[in-house]
């Protein structure tokens, strides 16, 4: 593909999923040689990266962002949802967009996808680095009650009511978050099909990639909200401890939705890795 154009494309996976991808050309005068690939979490979509993507292209980066299968404008494929499958999806996006010297930025479930790719693909050694936000390498055994709630019609109807939806998702964010930001989070959850929400939250049961990460030597920045009630900060510390080149930091006052709550921290982390 032409590397100097901003465009929309569809990446077809080997099991028939159609992944909706946006490639943003850099705005700065001297383009960076580092591409940035943004991978969103469960029940979100490309839209969550708006501020992050804008700042990155202004810093000279070519940015690739896509909707994970079943989310946003992407379809589900023939195979069941699994973290390994999502890592393969990421590999397909990287190949189709000719991403070079890439920094992968993964939030929550997007971090699971990035870790799956990095630990399984020989091509991952060519990455410039990993930025991992509010994620973990194990321990995400979502209880049946939460999986059932994610797929329930009642929860879905509630999400479509702005005040009630924001209240129901309040525990996913830290304190004093702007209501407009809270509502973006609500809208993304509400727009995700109930079955997709439940299938994705279920798919991490028993998933543990810690052993495989010992061979992933690319630099990494692991950031985690100290008020995160979705993924225990201790799990993020463990993730950083098993990645040989990782730096870990807790984000004071932040909850789980770092791309919305603290977008500039992701941008700074990319700059840190790109400068190495």
Protein backbone atom coordinates (compact mmCIF):
# COMPACT_ATOMS: atom_id res chain seq x y z
CA UNK A 1 0.00 0.00 0.00
CA UNK A 2 1.05 3.61 -0.42
CA UNK A 3 2.58 4.71 2.84
CA UNK A 4 1.91 8.44 2.45
CA UNK A 5 -1.88 8.29 2.30
CA UNK A 6 -4.52 8.39 5.00
CA UNK A 7 -7.15 5.81 4.20
CA UNK A 8 -9.67 3.25 5.34
CA UNK A 9 -9.23 -0.41 4.43
CA UNK A 10 -10.56 -3.83 5.27
CA UNK A 11 -8.22 -6.62 6.36
CA UNK A 12 -9.56 -10.12 5.71
CA UNK A 13 -8.42 -12.78 8.17
CA UNK A 14 -7.86 -16.44 7.32
CA UNK A 15 -11.13 -17.37 9.05
CA UNK A 16 -13.26 -14.85 7.22
CA UNK A 17 -13.42 -11.88 9.60
CA UNK A 18 -13.40 -8.42 8.02
CA UNK A 19 -11.37 -6.02 10.17
CA UNK A 20 -12.03 -2.30 9.69
CA UNK A 21 -8.72 -0.42 9.70
CA UNK A 22 -7.77 3.25 9.58
CA UNK A 23 -4.27 4.36 8.57
CA UNK A 24 -3.44 7.97 9.45
CA UNK A 25 -0.57 9.74 7.76
CA UNK A 26 1.67 11.95 9.91
CA UNK A 27 0.96 15.67 9.98
CA UNK A 28 4.38 16.87 11.11
CA UNK A 29 6.97 18.02 8.56
CA UNK A 30 9.57 15.31 9.26
CA UNK A 31 7.87 11.91 9.51
CA UNK A 32 9.11 9.50 12.15
CA UNK A 33 10.42 6.10 11.10
CA UNK A 34 8.26 4.57 13.87
CA UNK A 35 4.69 3.51 13.12
CA UNK A 36 2.22 3.22 16.00
CA UNK A 37 -0.51 0.56 16.07
CA UNK A 38 -3.39 1.14 18.52
CA UNK A 39 -5.40 -1.83 19.82
CA UNK A 40 -8.55 -1.15 21.85
CA UNK A 41 -10.07 -3.22 24.64
CA UNK A 42 -13.26 -5.22 24.95
CA UNK A 43 -16.51 -3.32 24.26
CA UNK A 44 -14.62 -0.38 22.78
CA UNK A 45 -13.62 0.52 19.20
CA UNK A 46 -11.15 2.67 17.24
CA UNK A 47 -12.95 5.78 18.42
CA UNK A 48 -11.46 5.43 21.90
CA UNK A 49 -8.04 6.47 20.53
CA UNK A 50 -9.16 9.85 19.14
CA UNK A 51 -6.95 12.09 21.29
CA UNK A 52 -4.03 9.65 21.29
CA UNK A 53 -4.07 9.25 17.51
CA UNK A 54 -4.31 13.00 16.94
CA UNK A 55 -1.28 13.74 19.11
CA UNK A 56 0.73 10.93 17.53
CA UNK A 57 0.21 12.06 13.95
CA UNK A 58 1.09 15.60 15.02
CA UNK A 59 4.33 14.16 16.43
CA UNK A 60 5.15 12.73 13.00
CA UNK A 61 4.02 9.12 13.42
CA UNK A 62 2.05 7.05 10.96
CA UNK A 63 -0.79 5.55 13.01
CA UNK A 64 -2.73 2.36 12.41
CA UNK A 65 -5.92 1.72 14.38
CA UNK A 66 -8.56 -0.94 13.88
CA UNK A 67 -11.73 -2.38 15.35
CA UNK A 68 -11.12 -5.79 16.87
CA UNK A 69 -13.35 -8.52 15.43
CA UNK A 70 -16.98 -8.14 16.36
CA UNK A 71 -16.44 -4.55 17.51
CA UNK A 72 -17.23 -1.33 15.70
CA UNK A 73 -17.29 -1.93 11.94
CA UNK A 74 -15.44 -5.27 12.09
CA UNK A 75 -17.16 -8.64 11.71
CA UNK A 76 -16.70 -11.93 13.50
CA UNK A 77 -14.97 -14.80 11.71
CA UNK A 78 -15.71 -18.51 11.66
CA UNK A 79 -13.57 -19.48 14.64
CA UNK A 80 -14.49 -18.92 18.30
CA UNK A 81 -13.09 -15.87 20.02
CA UNK A 82 -9.78 -16.51 21.79
CA UNK A 83 -6.82 -14.35 22.76
CA UNK A 84 -4.63 -16.34 20.39
CA UNK A 85 -7.05 -15.64 17.54
CA UNK A 86 -6.90 -11.92 18.34
CA UNK A 87 -3.11 -12.02 18.27
CA UNK A 88 -3.33 -13.52 14.79
CA UNK A 89 -5.73 -10.73 13.77
CA UNK A 90 -3.15 -8.18 14.89
CA UNK A 91 -0.50 -9.97 12.83
CA UNK A 92 -2.76 -9.69 9.78
CA UNK A 93 -3.26 -5.96 10.34
CA UNK A 94 0.48 -5.38 10.73
CA UNK A 95 1.21 -7.28 7.53
CA UNK A 96 -1.51 -5.63 5.44
CA UNK A 97 -0.55 -2.11 6.53
CA UNK A 98 3.20 -2.72 6.16
CA UNK A 99 3.80 -1.39 9.66
CA UNK A 100 7.50 -0.81 10.26
CA UNK A 101 9.47 -0.35 13.47
CA UNK A 102 6.09 -0.47 15.15
CA UNK A 103 5.18 0.46 18.68
CA UNK A 104 2.10 -1.50 19.72
CA UNK A 105 -0.20 0.29 22.14
CA UNK A 106 -2.75 -2.06 23.72
CA UNK A 107 -5.38 -1.19 26.29
CA UNK A 108 -6.98 -3.87 28.46
CA UNK A 109 -8.10 -6.62 26.04
CA UNK A 110 -6.05 -4.88 23.36
CA UNK A 111 -3.07 -5.51 25.60
CA UNK A 112 -3.98 -9.20 25.64
CA UNK A 113 -3.97 -9.17 21.83
CA UNK A 114 -0.61 -7.38 21.72
CA UNK A 115 0.93 -9.80 24.23
CA UNK A 116 -0.41 -12.79 22.34
CA UNK A 117 1.12 -11.48 19.12
CA UNK A 118 4.43 -10.51 20.71
CA UNK A 119 4.89 -13.88 22.40
CA UNK A 120 3.88 -16.02 19.40
CA UNK A 121 5.09 -14.29 16.25
CA UNK A 122 8.72 -14.41 15.05
CA UNK A 123 8.10 -11.05 13.40
CA UNK A 124 7.51 -9.50 16.83
CA UNK A 125 11.27 -9.19 17.28
CA UNK A 126 11.11 -6.34 14.75
CA UNK A 127 8.84 -4.26 17.00
CA UNK A 128 10.20 -1.03 18.43
CA UNK A 129 8.27 -1.54 21.66
CA UNK A 130 5.07 -2.18 23.59
CA UNK A 131 2.91 0.28 25.51
CA UNK A 132 0.53 -1.68 27.73
CA UNK A 133 -2.31 0.18 29.44
CA UNK A 134 -4.53 -1.35 32.12
CA UNK A 135 -3.75 -4.91 31.12
CA UNK A 136 -2.27 -8.17 32.40
CA UNK A 137 -0.69 -11.44 31.30
CA UNK A 138 -2.85 -13.74 33.42
CA UNK A 139 -5.55 -13.83 36.07
CA UNK A 140 -8.53 -12.61 34.02
CA UNK A 141 -10.98 -15.33 34.95
CA UNK A 142 -14.14 -13.28 34.58
CA UNK A 143 -16.88 -14.71 36.84
CA UNK A 144 -20.05 -16.14 35.33
CA UNK A 145 -22.15 -13.34 36.82
CA UNK A 146 -20.17 -10.65 34.99
CA UNK A 147 -20.13 -12.57 31.70
CA UNK A 148 -23.90 -13.02 31.98
CA UNK A 149 -24.40 -9.33 32.73
CA UNK A 150 -22.34 -8.29 29.70
CA UNK A 151 -24.62 -10.30 27.46
CA UNK A 152 -27.94 -9.39 29.08
CA UNK A 153 -30.65 -7.41 27.35
CA UNK A 154 -31.38 -5.50 30.58
CA UNK A 155 -27.77 -4.29 30.87
CA UNK A 156 -27.82 -3.30 27.20
CA UNK A 157 -31.00 -1.26 27.60
CA UNK A 158 -29.51 0.46 30.64
CA UNK A 159 -26.36 1.36 28.68
CA UNK A 160 -28.50 3.21 26.16
CA UNK A 161 -29.76 5.52 28.92
CA UNK A 162 -27.01 8.16 29.33
CA UNK A 163 -27.27 8.84 33.07
CA UNK A 164 -27.89 5.22 34.03
CA UNK A 165 -25.25 3.88 31.66
CA UNK A 166 -22.60 6.23 33.02
CA UNK A 167 -23.52 5.19 36.55
CA UNK A 168 -23.29 1.47 35.74
CA UNK A 169 -19.83 1.95 34.22
CA UNK A 170 -18.67 4.35 36.91
CA UNK A 171 -16.38 1.77 38.50
CA UNK A 172 -14.37 1.50 35.27
CA UNK A 173 -12.99 5.01 35.75
CA UNK A 174 -11.30 7.02 38.46
CA UNK A 175 -12.84 9.98 40.27
CA UNK A 176 -13.62 13.39 38.79
CA UNK A 177 -13.68 12.24 35.17
CA UNK A 178 -15.44 14.67 32.84
CA UNK A 179 -19.02 13.51 32.10
CA UNK A 180 -18.36 13.84 28.38
CA UNK A 181 -15.49 11.38 28.66
CA UNK A 182 -17.66 9.06 30.74
CA UNK A 183 -20.29 9.18 28.04
CA UNK A 184 -17.86 8.17 25.30
CA UNK A 185 -17.12 5.08 27.37
CA UNK A 186 -20.84 4.40 27.75
CA UNK A 187 -21.54 4.87 24.05
CA UNK A 188 -18.79 2.42 23.10
CA UNK A 189 -20.10 -0.24 25.47
CA UNK A 190 -23.66 0.32 24.28
CA UNK A 191 -22.65 0.02 20.62
CA UNK A 192 -21.03 -3.39 21.15
CA UNK A 193 -23.30 -6.38 20.58
CA UNK A 194 -24.23 -8.13 23.86
CA UNK A 195 -23.02 -11.53 22.64
CA UNK A 196 -19.68 -10.03 21.63
CA UNK A 197 -19.28 -8.47 25.07
CA UNK A 198 -19.97 -11.76 26.84
CA UNK A 199 -17.83 -13.87 24.48
CA UNK A 200 -14.84 -11.59 24.81
CA UNK A 201 -15.02 -11.30 28.58
CA UNK A 202 -15.29 -15.09 28.76
CA UNK A 203 -12.36 -15.82 26.42
CA UNK A 204 -9.58 -14.95 28.88
CA UNK A 205 -10.48 -17.64 31.38
CA UNK A 206 -7.37 -19.67 32.04
CA UNK A 207 -5.27 -17.55 29.69
CA UNK A 208 -1.70 -17.17 30.97
CA UNK A 209 1.12 -15.96 28.76
CA UNK A 210 3.67 -15.20 31.49
CA UNK A 211 6.10 -17.98 30.62
CA UNK A 212 6.19 -17.04 26.93
CA UNK A 213 6.88 -13.39 27.71
CA UNK A 214 10.36 -14.13 29.06
CA UNK A 215 11.56 -14.27 25.45
CA UNK A 216 9.93 -10.94 24.47
CA UNK A 217 12.87 -8.57 24.86
CA UNK A 218 11.55 -5.44 23.14
CA UNK A 219 11.29 -2.39 25.42
CA UNK A 220 7.92 -1.97 27.08
CA UNK A 221 6.09 0.59 29.20
CA UNK A 222 3.35 -0.81 31.46
CA UNK A 223 0.97 1.80 32.88
CA UNK A 224 -1.87 1.04 35.26
CA UNK A 225 -4.40 3.21 37.05
CA UNK A 226 -3.98 2.94 40.79
CA UNK A 227 -7.78 3.02 41.13
CA UNK A 228 -8.37 0.34 38.47
CA UNK A 229 -11.19 -1.94 39.64
CA UNK A 230 -11.35 -4.01 36.44
CA UNK A 231 -7.81 -5.43 36.39
CA UNK A 232 -5.89 -5.61 39.66
CA UNK A 233 -2.78 -3.37 39.57
CA UNK A 234 -0.83 -6.26 41.10
CA UNK A 235 -1.41 -8.24 37.89
CA UNK A 236 0.10 -5.40 35.88
CA UNK A 237 3.14 -5.37 38.15
CA UNK A 238 3.53 -9.09 37.52
CA UNK A 239 3.28 -8.47 33.78
CA UNK A 240 6.07 -5.89 33.97
CA UNK A 241 8.22 -8.23 36.05
CA UNK A 242 8.12 -11.03 33.46
CA UNK A 243 8.79 -8.76 30.48
CA UNK A 244 12.59 -8.37 30.44
CA UNK A 245 12.59 -4.82 29.07
CA UNK A 246 9.60 -3.34 30.87
CA UNK A 247 9.14 -0.21 32.96
CA UNK A 248 6.11 -0.13 35.25
CA UNK A 249 4.27 2.88 36.64
CA UNK A 250 1.02 3.33 38.51
CA UNK A 251 -1.08 6.29 37.44
CA UNK A 252 -2.39 8.20 40.47
CA UNK A 253 -6.14 8.75 40.56
CA UNK A 254 -6.82 6.90 37.30
CA UNK A 255 -9.12 3.95 36.79
CA UNK A 256 -9.20 1.37 34.02
CA UNK A 257 -9.96 3.50 30.96
CA UNK A 258 -6.55 5.11 30.47
CA UNK A 259 -7.01 5.95 26.75
CA UNK A 260 -9.90 8.20 27.80
CA UNK A 261 -8.74 9.25 31.26
CA UNK A 262 -5.03 9.86 30.58
CA UNK A 263 -4.48 9.84 26.80
CA UNK A 264 -1.32 11.95 26.92
CA UNK A 265 0.44 9.33 29.04
CA UNK A 266 0.12 6.89 26.13
CA UNK A 267 1.57 9.51 23.79
CA UNK A 268 4.50 10.13 26.13
CA UNK A 269 5.17 6.40 26.44
CA UNK A 270 5.31 6.07 22.65
CA UNK A 271 7.77 8.98 22.49
CA UNK A 272 9.93 7.25 25.12
CA UNK A 273 10.12 4.04 23.10
CA UNK A 274 10.46 5.70 19.72
CA UNK A 275 13.49 7.66 20.91
CA UNK A 276 15.43 4.54 21.93
